[in-house]
C-alpha cells in the first residue's frame, strides 16, 4: 500500500481532494478539486475529522474493488521491476 492515498469528498456543494497519510492515519492535505492550494490550515478539527472519515470510506471502497486490486498489484510489480512490458527480441 502507498504511504498516501487521495480521495475526492463532496461537501456543501463543492468537491475536495483529500490526501490521507495511510501510514499514520491522518489528513495531510485538503484541496478544492483542480486546485493546488492546501486549505487544511483554514479548517476546524471537526471538519478535518469528517473529511478523513469520508475519504477513508472512498479509499476502502476502491481498495476492495476487483479492478483496483488488479491494477494496484500490477503497479507494485512494475515499480519493483518484477514485471513490465515484454520485449520481443525478434522484433526488427
PDB file of N, CA and C in Angstrom:
ATOM      1  N   UNK A   1       0.838  -1.178   0.000  1.00  0.00           N
ATOM      2  CA  UNK A   1       0.000   0.000   0.000  1.00  0.00           C
ATOM      3  C   UNK A   1       0.885   1.245   0.000  1.00  0.00           C
ATOM      4  N   UNK A   2       0.428   2.262  -0.694  1.00  0.00           N
ATOM      5  CA  UNK A   2       1.163   3.514  -0.754  1.00  0.00           C
ATOM      6  C   UNK A   2       1.112   4.223   0.592  1.00  0.00           C
ATOM      7  N   UNK A   3       2.057   5.121   0.815  1.00  0.00           N
ATOM      8  CA  UNK A   3       2.055   5.908   2.044  1.00  0.00           C
ATOM      9  C   UNK A   3       0.921   6.925   2.057  1.00  0.00           C
ATOM     10  N   UNK A   4       0.539   7.427   0.871  1.00  0.00           N
ATOM     11  CA  UNK A   4      -0.518   8.424   0.764  1.00  0.00           C
ATOM     12  C   UNK A   4      -1.545   7.968  -0.260  1.00  0.00           C
ATOM     13  N   UNK A   5      -2.808   8.214   0.038  1.00  0.00           N
ATOM     14  CA  UNK A   5      -3.904   7.927  -0.885  1.00  0.00           C
ATOM     15  C   UNK A   5      -4.739   9.190  -1.007  1.00  0.00           C
ATOM     16  N   UNK A   6      -5.280   9.419  -2.206  1.00  0.00           N
ATOM     17  CA  UNK A   6      -6.141  10.569  -2.454  1.00  0.00           C
ATOM     18  C   UNK A   6      -7.564  10.095  -2.656  1.00  0.00           C
ATOM     19  N   UNK A   7      -8.511  10.891  -2.187  1.00  0.00           N
ATOM     20  CA  UNK A   7      -9.934  10.628  -2.402  1.00  0.00           C
ATOM     21  C   UNK A   7     -10.618  11.967  -2.628  1.00  0.00           C
ATOM     22  N   UNK A   8     -11.707  11.941  -3.375  1.00  0.00           N
ATOM     23  CA  UNK A   8     -12.496  13.147  -3.594  1.00  0.00           C
ATOM     24  C   UNK A   8     -13.725  13.086  -2.700  1.00  0.00           C
ATOM     25  N   UNK A   9     -13.941  14.153  -1.948  1.00  0.00           N
ATOM     26  CA  UNK A   9     -15.037  14.229  -0.989  1.00  0.00           C
ATOM     27  C   UNK A   9     -15.931  15.412  -1.365  1.00  0.00           C
ATOM     28  N   UNK A  10     -17.244  15.173  -1.415  1.00  0.00           N
ATOM     29  CA  UNK A  10     -18.211  16.245  -1.672  1.00  0.00           C
ATOM     30  C   UNK A  10     -18.685  16.812  -0.343  1.00  0.00           C
ATOM     31  N   UNK A  11     -18.734  18.136  -0.265  1.00  0.00           N
ATOM     32  CA  UNK A  11     -19.168  18.798   0.965  1.00  0.00           C
ATOM     33  C   UNK A  11     -19.807  20.134   0.622  1.00  0.00           C
ATOM     34  N   UNK A  12     -21.062  20.305   0.993  1.00  0.00           N
ATOM     35  CA  UNK A  12     -21.783  21.564   0.814  1.00  0.00           C
ATOM     36  C   UNK A  12     -21.694  22.099  -0.610  1.00  0.00           C
ATOM     37  N   UNK A  13     -21.944  21.247  -1.581  1.00  0.00           N
ATOM     38  CA  UNK A  13     -21.977  21.664  -2.976  1.00  0.00           C
ATOM     39  C   UNK A  13     -20.623  21.822  -3.642  1.00  0.00           C
ATOM     40  N   UNK A  14     -19.563  21.515  -2.964  1.00  0.00           N
ATOM     41  CA  UNK A  14     -18.218  21.603  -3.536  1.00  0.00           C
ATOM     42  C   UNK A  14     -17.522  20.246  -3.388  1.00  0.00           C
ATOM     43  N   UNK A  15     -16.470  20.050  -4.166  1.00  0.00           N
ATOM     44  CA  UNK A  15     -15.694  18.811  -4.069  1.00  0.00           C
ATOM     45  C   UNK A  15     -14.262  19.143  -3.669  1.00  0.00           C
ATOM     46  N   UNK A  16     -13.696  18.278  -2.861  1.00  0.00           N
ATOM     47  CA  UNK A  16     -12.341  18.481  -2.353  1.00  0.00           C
ATOM     48  C   UNK A  16     -11.528  17.211  -2.541  1.00  0.00           C
ATOM     49  N   UNK A  17     -10.266  17.383  -2.910  1.00  0.00           N
ATOM     50  CA  UNK A  17      -9.333  16.269  -2.953  1.00  0.00           C
ATOM     51  C   UNK A  17      -8.679  16.193  -1.578  1.00  0.00           C
ATOM     52  N   UNK A  18      -8.766  15.015  -0.974  1.00  0.00           N
ATOM     53  CA  UNK A  18      -8.257  14.822   0.384  1.00  0.00           C
ATOM     54  C   UNK A  18      -7.131  13.796   0.329  1.00  0.00           C
ATOM     55  N   UNK A  19      -5.971  14.188   0.846  1.00  0.00           N
ATOM     56  CA  UNK A  19      -4.806  13.308   0.891  1.00  0.00           C
ATOM     57  C   UNK A  19      -4.692  12.730   2.302  1.00  0.00           C
ATOM     58  N   UNK A  20      -4.734  11.400   2.374  1.00  0.00           N
ATOM     59  CA  UNK A  20      -4.630  10.707   3.657  1.00  0.00           C
ATOM     60  C   UNK A  20      -3.251  10.055   3.762  1.00  0.00           C
ATOM     61  N   UNK A  21      -2.583  10.280   4.870  1.00  0.00           N
ATOM     62  CA  UNK A  21      -1.347   9.560   5.163  1.00  0.00           C
ATOM     63  C   UNK A  21      -1.768   8.201   5.711  1.00  0.00           C
ATOM     64  N   UNK A  22      -1.577   7.165   4.913  1.00  0.00           N
ATOM     65  CA  UNK A  22      -2.036   5.832   5.290  1.00  0.00           C
ATOM     66  C   UNK A  22      -1.174   5.213   6.386  1.00  0.00           C
ATOM     67  N   UNK A  23       0.052   5.608   6.464  1.00  0.00           N
ATOM     68  CA  UNK A  23       0.952   5.035   7.464  1.00  0.00           C
ATOM     69  C   UNK A  23       0.586   5.495   8.878  1.00  0.00           C
ATOM     70  N   UNK A  24       0.185   6.768   9.004  1.00  0.00           N
ATOM     71  CA  UNK A  24      -0.092   7.317  10.336  1.00  0.00           C
ATOM     72  C   UNK A  24      -1.546   7.746  10.532  1.00  0.00           C
ATOM     73  N   UNK A  25      -2.393   7.475   9.546  1.00  0.00           N
ATOM     74  CA  UNK A  25      -3.840   7.740   9.648  1.00  0.00           C
ATOM     75  C   UNK A  25      -4.187   9.184  10.002  1.00  0.00           C
ATOM     76  N   UNK A  26      -3.805  10.106   9.135  1.00  0.00           N
ATOM     77  CA  UNK A  26      -4.203  11.497   9.325  1.00  0.00           C
ATOM     78  C   UNK A  26      -4.400  12.160   7.966  1.00  0.00           C
ATOM     79  N   UNK A  27      -5.133  13.280   7.960  1.00  0.00           N
ATOM     80  CA  UNK A  27      -5.328  14.054   6.739  1.00  0.00           C
ATOM     81  C   UNK A  27      -4.095  14.920   6.538  1.00  0.00           C
ATOM     82  N   UNK A  28      -3.434  14.758   5.405  1.00  0.00           N
ATOM     83  CA  UNK A  28      -2.231  15.523   5.113  1.00  0.00           C
ATOM     84  C   UNK A  28      -2.562  16.817   4.371  1.00  0.00           C
ATOM     85  N   UNK A  29      -3.501  16.746   3.417  1.00  0.00           N
ATOM     86  CA  UNK A  29      -3.877  17.912   2.628  1.00  0.00           C
ATOM     87  C   UNK A  29      -5.354  17.863   2.290  1.00  0.00           C
ATOM     88  N   UNK A  30      -5.951  19.036   2.132  1.00  0.00           N
ATOM     89  CA  UNK A  30      -7.300  19.173   1.589  1.00  0.00           C
ATOM     90  C   UNK A  30      -7.228  20.301   0.566  1.00  0.00           C
ATOM     91  N   UNK A  31      -7.609  19.975  -0.672  1.00  0.00           N
ATOM     92  CA  UNK A  31      -7.572  20.968  -1.746  1.00  0.00           C
ATOM     93  C   UNK A  31      -8.911  20.993  -2.460  1.00  0.00           C
ATOM     94  N   UNK A  32      -9.409  22.178  -2.810  1.00  0.00           N
ATOM     95  CA  UNK A  32     -10.561  22.192  -3.714  1.00  0.00           C
ATOM     96  C   UNK A  32     -10.164  21.453  -4.999  1.00  0.00           C
ATOM     97  N   UNK A  33     -11.097  20.719  -5.597  1.00  0.00           N
ATOM     98  CA  UNK A  33     -10.790  19.967  -6.810  1.00  0.00           C
ATOM     99  C   UNK A  33     -10.202  20.914  -7.846  1.00  0.00           C
ATOM    100  N   UNK A  34      -9.192  20.437  -8.561  1.00  0.00           N
ATOM    101  CA  UNK A  34      -8.471  21.187  -9.603  1.00  0.00           C
ATOM    102  C   UNK A  34      -7.709  22.386  -9.053  1.00  0.00           C
ATOM    103  N   UNK A  35      -7.322  22.336  -7.808  1.00  0.00           N
ATOM    104  CA  UNK A  35      -6.546  23.417  -7.202  1.00  0.00           C
ATOM    105  C   UNK A  35      -5.297  22.820  -6.557  1.00  0.00           C
ATOM    106  N   UNK A  36      -4.263  23.613  -6.495  1.00  0.00           N
ATOM    107  CA  UNK A  36      -3.029  23.200  -5.822  1.00  0.00           C
ATOM    108  C   UNK A  36      -2.926  23.813  -4.425  1.00  0.00           C
ATOM    109  N   UNK A  37      -3.971  24.509  -3.988  1.00  0.00           N
ATOM    110  CA  UNK A  37      -3.935  25.212  -2.709  1.00  0.00           C
ATOM    111  C   UNK A  37      -4.447  24.307  -1.595  1.00  0.00           C
ATOM    112  N   UNK A  38      -3.592  24.070  -0.617  1.00  0.00           N
ATOM    113  CA  UNK A  38      -3.938  23.260   0.546  1.00  0.00           C
ATOM    114  C   UNK A  38      -4.663  24.152   1.550  1.00  0.00           C
ATOM    115  N   UNK A  39      -5.931  23.821   1.851  1.00  0.00           N
ATOM    116  CA  UNK A  39      -6.737  24.669   2.749  1.00  0.00           C
ATOM    117  C   UNK A  39      -6.879  24.079   4.145  1.00  0.00           C
ATOM    118  N   UNK A  40      -6.115  23.061   4.472  1.00  0.00           N
ATOM    119  CA  UNK A  40      -6.278  22.387   5.764  1.00  0.00           C
ATOM    120  C   UNK A  40      -6.069  23.347   6.943  1.00  0.00           C
ATOM    121  N   UNK A  41      -5.197  24.331   6.790  1.00  0.00           N
ATOM    122  CA  UNK A  41      -4.932  25.272   7.889  1.00  0.00           C
ATOM    123  C   UNK A  41      -6.148  26.137   8.205  1.00  0.00           C
ATOM    124  N   UNK A  42      -7.087  26.242   7.257  1.00  0.00           N
ATOM    125  CA  UNK A  42      -8.287  27.068   7.452  1.00  0.00           C
ATOM    126  C   UNK A  42      -9.453  26.280   8.021  1.00  0.00           C
ATOM    127  N   UNK A  43      -9.272  24.975   8.213  1.00  0.00           N
ATOM    128  CA  UNK A  43     -10.375  24.100   8.611  1.00  0.00           C
ATOM    129  C   UNK A  43     -10.349  23.800  10.111  1.00  0.00           C
ATOM    130  N   UNK A  44     -11.525  23.559  10.661  1.00  0.00           N
ATOM    131  CA  UNK A  44     -11.621  23.152  12.068  1.00  0.00           C
ATOM    132  C   UNK A  44     -11.257  21.668  12.193  1.00  0.00           C
ATOM    133  N   UNK A  45     -10.904  21.260  13.386  1.00  0.00           N
ATOM    134  CA  UNK A  45     -10.573  19.853  13.630  1.00  0.00           C
ATOM    135  C   UNK A  45     -11.771  18.953  13.338  1.00  0.00           C
ATOM    136  N   UNK A  46     -12.974  19.432  13.634  1.00  0.00           N
ATOM    137  CA  UNK A  46     -14.182  18.639  13.367  1.00  0.00           C
ATOM    138  C   UNK A  46     -14.358  18.413  11.865  1.00  0.00           C
ATOM    139  N   UNK A  47     -14.115  19.445  11.060  1.00  0.00           N
ATOM    140  CA  UNK A  47     -14.225  19.299   9.607  1.00  0.00           C
ATOM    141  C   UNK A  47     -13.151  18.372   9.052  1.00  0.00           C
ATOM    142  N   UNK A  48     -11.961  18.471   9.591  1.00  0.00           N
ATOM    143  CA  UNK A  48     -10.868  17.595   9.149  1.00  0.00           C
ATOM    144  C   UNK A  48     -11.204  16.148   9.485  1.00  0.00           C
ATOM    145  N   UNK A  49     -11.732  15.911  10.685  1.00  0.00           N
ATOM    146  CA  UNK A  49     -12.114  14.548  11.080  1.00  0.00           C
ATOM    147  C   UNK A  49     -13.206  14.009  10.161  1.00  0.00           C
ATOM    148  N   UNK A  50     -14.176  14.844   9.803  1.00  0.00           N
ATOM    149  CA  UNK A  50     -15.247  14.427   8.900  1.00  0.00           C
ATOM    150  C   UNK A  50     -14.685  14.102   7.520  1.00  0.00           C
ATOM    151  N   UNK A  51     -13.777  14.941   7.022  1.00  0.00           N
ATOM    152  CA  UNK A  51     -13.140  14.700   5.715  1.00  0.00           C
ATOM    153  C   UNK A  51     -12.373  13.382   5.743  1.00  0.00           C
ATOM    154  N   UNK A  52     -11.701  13.117   6.852  1.00  0.00           N
ATOM    155  CA  UNK A  52     -10.953  11.866   6.997  1.00  0.00           C
ATOM    156  C   UNK A  52     -11.894  10.670   6.866  1.00  0.00           C
ATOM    157  N   UNK A  53     -13.011  10.703   7.579  1.00  0.00           N
ATOM    158  CA  UNK A  53     -13.964   9.586   7.533  1.00  0.00           C
ATOM    159  C   UNK A  53     -14.502   9.376   6.124  1.00  0.00           C
ATOM    160  N   UNK A  54     -14.885  10.461   5.464  1.00  0.00           N
ATOM    161  CA  UNK A  54     -15.434  10.359   4.112  1.00  0.00           C
ATOM    162  C   UNK A  54     -14.382   9.833   3.131  1.00  0.00           C
ATOM    163  N   UNK A  55     -13.167  10.337   3.237  1.00  0.00           N
ATOM    164  CA  UNK A  55     -12.092   9.908   2.346  1.00  0.00           C
ATOM    165  C   UNK A  55     -11.760   8.431   2.562  1.00  0.00           C
ATOM    166  N   UNK A  56     -11.717   8.004   3.824  1.00  0.00           N
ATOM    167  CA  UNK A  56     -11.397   6.603   4.110  1.00  0.00           C
ATOM    168  C   UNK A  56     -12.473   5.662   3.574  1.00  0.00           C
ATOM    169  N   UNK A  57     -13.739   6.088   3.610  1.00  0.00           N
ATOM    170  CA  UNK A  57     -14.804   5.267   3.030  1.00  0.00           C
ATOM    171  C   UNK A  57     -14.564   5.063   1.536  1.00  0.00           C
ATOM    172  N   UNK A  58     -14.207   6.143   0.831  1.00  0.00           N
ATOM    173  CA  UNK A  58     -13.939   6.032  -0.609  1.00  0.00           C
ATOM    174  C   UNK A  58     -12.697   5.189  -0.877  1.00  0.00           C
ATOM    175  N   UNK A  59     -11.646   5.426  -0.118  1.00  0.00           N
ATOM    176  CA  UNK A  59     -10.402   4.670  -0.312  1.00  0.00           C
ATOM    177  C   UNK A  59     -10.644   3.185  -0.078  1.00  0.00           C
ATOM    178  N   UNK A  60     -11.339   2.850   1.002  1.00  0.00           N
ATOM    179  CA  UNK A  60     -11.614   1.440   1.298  1.00  0.00           C
ATOM    180  C   UNK A  60     -12.489   0.806   0.231  1.00  0.00           C
ATOM    181  N   UNK A  61     -13.470   1.545  -0.274  1.00  0.00           N
ATOM    182  CA  UNK A  61     -14.322   1.016  -1.350  1.00  0.00           C
ATOM    183  C   UNK A  61     -13.490   0.744  -2.593  1.00  0.00           C
ATOM    184  N   UNK A  62     -12.572   1.654  -2.915  1.00  0.00           N
ATOM    185  CA  UNK A  62     -11.715   1.455  -4.097  1.00  0.00           C
ATOM    186  C   UNK A  62     -10.740   0.302  -3.900  1.00  0.00           C
ATOM    187  N   UNK A  63     -10.196   0.177  -2.697  1.00  0.00           N
ATOM    188  CA  UNK A  63      -9.239  -0.903  -2.452  1.00  0.00           C
ATOM    189  C   UNK A  63      -9.902  -2.275  -2.522  1.00  0.00           C
ATOM    190  N   UNK A  64     -11.214  -2.322  -2.255  1.00  0.00           N
ATOM    191  CA  UNK A  64     -11.932  -3.590  -2.304  1.00  0.00           C
ATOM    192  C   UNK A  64     -12.533  -3.886  -3.672  1.00  0.00           C
ATOM    193  N   UNK A  65     -12.435  -2.942  -4.601  1.00  0.00           N
ATOM    194  CA  UNK A  65     -12.948  -3.171  -5.955  1.00  0.00           C
ATOM    195  C   UNK A  65     -11.987  -4.094  -6.706  1.00  0.00           C
ATOM    196  N   UNK A  66     -12.493  -5.154  -7.355  1.00  0.00           N
ATOM    197  CA  UNK A  66     -11.613  -6.127  -8.022  1.00  0.00           C
ATOM    198  C   UNK A  66     -10.672  -5.497  -9.046  1.00  0.00           C
ATOM    199  N   UNK A  67     -11.157  -4.571  -9.863  1.00  0.00           N
ATOM    200  CA  UNK A  67     -10.286  -3.984 -10.882  1.00  0.00           C
ATOM    201  C   UNK A  67      -9.184  -3.148 -10.255  1.00  0.00           C
ATOM    202  N   UNK A  68      -9.451  -2.503  -9.114  1.00  0.00           N
ATOM    203  CA  UNK A  68      -8.443  -1.701  -8.452  1.00  0.00           C
ATOM    204  C   UNK A  68      -7.354  -2.588  -7.870  1.00  0.00           C
ATOM    205  N   UNK A  69      -7.745  -3.710  -7.283  1.00  0.00           N
ATOM    206  CA  UNK A  69      -6.755  -4.639  -6.727  1.00  0.00           C
ATOM    207  C   UNK A  69      -5.807  -5.120  -7.814  1.00  0.00           C
ATOM    208  N   UNK A  70      -6.360  -5.466  -8.963  1.00  0.00           N
ATOM    209  CA  UNK A  70      -5.523  -5.947 -10.063  1.00  0.00           C
ATOM    210  C   UNK A  70      -4.537  -4.876 -10.507  1.00  0.00           C
ATOM    211  N   UNK A  71      -5.005  -3.644 -10.674  1.00  0.00           N
ATOM    212  CA  UNK A  71      -4.138  -2.578 -11.140  1.00  0.00           C
ATOM    213  C   UNK A  71      -3.109  -2.187 -10.085  1.00  0.00           C
ATOM    214  N   UNK A  72      -3.489  -2.165  -8.812  1.00  0.00           N
ATOM    215  CA  UNK A  72      -2.519  -1.796  -7.789  1.00  0.00           C
ATOM    216  C   UNK A  72      -1.439  -2.867  -7.673  1.00  0.00           C
ATOM    217  N   UNK A  73      -1.811  -4.112  -7.837  1.00  0.00           N
ATOM    218  CA  UNK A  73      -0.823  -5.197  -7.804  1.00  0.00           C
ATOM    219  C   UNK A  73       0.123  -5.074  -8.993  1.00  0.00           C
ATOM    220  N   UNK A  74      -0.433  -4.775 -10.172  1.00  0.00           N
ATOM    221  CA  UNK A  74       0.398  -4.614 -11.370  1.00  0.00           C
ATOM    222  C   UNK A  74       1.342  -3.427 -11.194  1.00  0.00           C
ATOM    223  N   UNK A  75       0.845  -2.319 -10.658  1.00  0.00           N
ATOM    224  CA  UNK A  75       1.686  -1.145 -10.441  1.00  0.00           C
ATOM    225  C   UNK A  75       2.823  -1.486  -9.478  1.00  0.00           C
ATOM    226  N   UNK A  76       2.519  -2.239  -8.425  1.00  0.00           N
ATOM    227  CA  UNK A  76       3.548  -2.649  -7.466  1.00  0.00           C
ATOM    228  C   UNK A  76       4.623  -3.482  -8.158  1.00  0.00           C
ATOM    229  N   UNK A  77       4.190  -4.448  -8.960  1.00  0.00           N
ATOM    230  CA  UNK A  77       5.143  -5.311  -9.644  1.00  0.00           C
ATOM    231  C   UNK A  77       6.028  -4.521 -10.598  1.00  0.00           C
ATOM    232  N   UNK A  78       5.432  -3.580 -11.306  1.00  0.00           N
ATOM    233  CA  UNK A  78       6.210  -2.752 -12.226  1.00  0.00           C
ATOM    234  C   UNK A  78       7.176  -1.869 -11.453  1.00  0.00           C
ATOM    235  N   UNK A  79       6.703  -1.235 -10.363  1.00  0.00           N
ATOM    236  CA  UNK A  79       7.568  -0.379  -9.547  1.00  0.00           C
ATOM    237  C   UNK A  79       8.756  -1.150  -8.987  1.00  0.00           C
ATOM    238  N   UNK A  80       8.535  -2.404  -8.644  1.00  0.00           N
ATOM    239  CA  UNK A  80       9.595  -3.223  -8.077  1.00  0.00           C
ATOM    240  C   UNK A  80      10.478  -3.856  -9.158  1.00  0.00           C
ATOM    241  N   UNK A  81      10.124  -3.654 -10.424  1.00  0.00           N
ATOM    242  CA  UNK A  81      10.904  -4.224 -11.516  1.00  0.00           C
ATOM    243  C   UNK A  81      10.685  -5.711 -11.687  1.00  0.00           C
ATOM    244  N   UNK A  82       9.612  -6.232 -11.097  1.00  0.00           N
ATOM    245  CA  UNK A  82       9.328  -7.657 -11.180  1.00  0.00           C
ATOM    246  C   UNK A  82       8.609  -7.982 -12.475  1.00  0.00           C
ATOM    247  N   UNK A  83       7.787  -7.039 -12.945  1.00  0.00           N
ATOM    248  CA  UNK A  83       7.014  -7.279 -14.148  1.00  0.00           C
ATOM    249  C   UNK A  83       6.904  -5.985 -14.928  1.00  0.00           C
ATOM    250  N   UNK A  84       6.857  -6.102 -16.219  1.00  0.00           N
ATOM    251  CA  UNK A  84       6.707  -4.924 -17.065  1.00  0.00           C
ATOM    252  C   UNK A  84       6.399  -5.350 -18.470  1.00  0.00           C
ATOM    253  N   UNK A  85       6.437  -4.421 -19.401  1.00  0.00           N
ATOM    254  CA  UNK A  85       6.167  -4.779 -20.798  1.00  0.00           C
ATOM    255  C   UNK A  85       7.165  -5.817 -21.289  1.00  0.00           C
ATOM    256  N   UNK A  86       6.666  -6.789 -22.001  1.00  0.00           N
ATOM    257  CA  UNK A  86       7.521  -7.849 -22.537  1.00  0.00           C
ATOM    258  C   UNK A  86       8.140  -7.370 -23.841  1.00  0.00           C
ATOM    259  N   UNK A  87       9.438  -7.433 -23.906  1.00  0.00           N
ATOM    260  CA  UNK A  87      10.133  -7.020 -25.118  1.00  0.00           C
ATOM    261  C   UNK A  87      10.342  -8.244 -25.991  1.00  0.00           C
ATOM    262  N   UNK A  88      10.037  -8.111 -27.255  1.00  0.00           N
ATOM    263  CA  UNK A  88      10.215  -9.191 -28.211  1.00  0.00           C
ATOM    264  C   UNK A  88      11.592  -9.057 -28.836  1.00  0.00           C
ATOM    265  N   UNK A  89      12.501  -9.969 -28.495  1.00  0.00           N
ATOM    266  CA  UNK A  89      13.877  -9.915 -29.006  1.00  0.00           C
ATOM    267  C   UNK A  89      13.938 -10.095 -30.514  1.00  0.00           C
ATOM    268  N   UNK A  90      12.911 -10.720 -31.099  1.00  0.00           N
ATOM    269  CA  UNK A  90      12.917 -10.974 -32.534  1.00  0.00           C
ATOM    270  C   UNK A  90      12.412  -9.793 -33.351  1.00  0.00           C
ATOM    271  N   UNK A  91      11.933  -8.757 -32.681  1.00  0.00           N
ATOM    272  CA  UNK A  91      11.402  -7.617 -33.414  1.00  0.00           C
ATOM    273  C   UNK A  91      12.533  -6.910 -34.161  1.00  0.00           C
ATOM    274  N   UNK A  92      12.232  -6.494 -35.363  1.00  0.00           N
ATOM    275  CA  UNK A  92      13.272  -5.887 -36.191  1.00  0.00           C
ATOM    276  C   UNK A  92      13.422  -4.420 -35.888  1.00  0.00           C
TER     277      UNK A  92
END
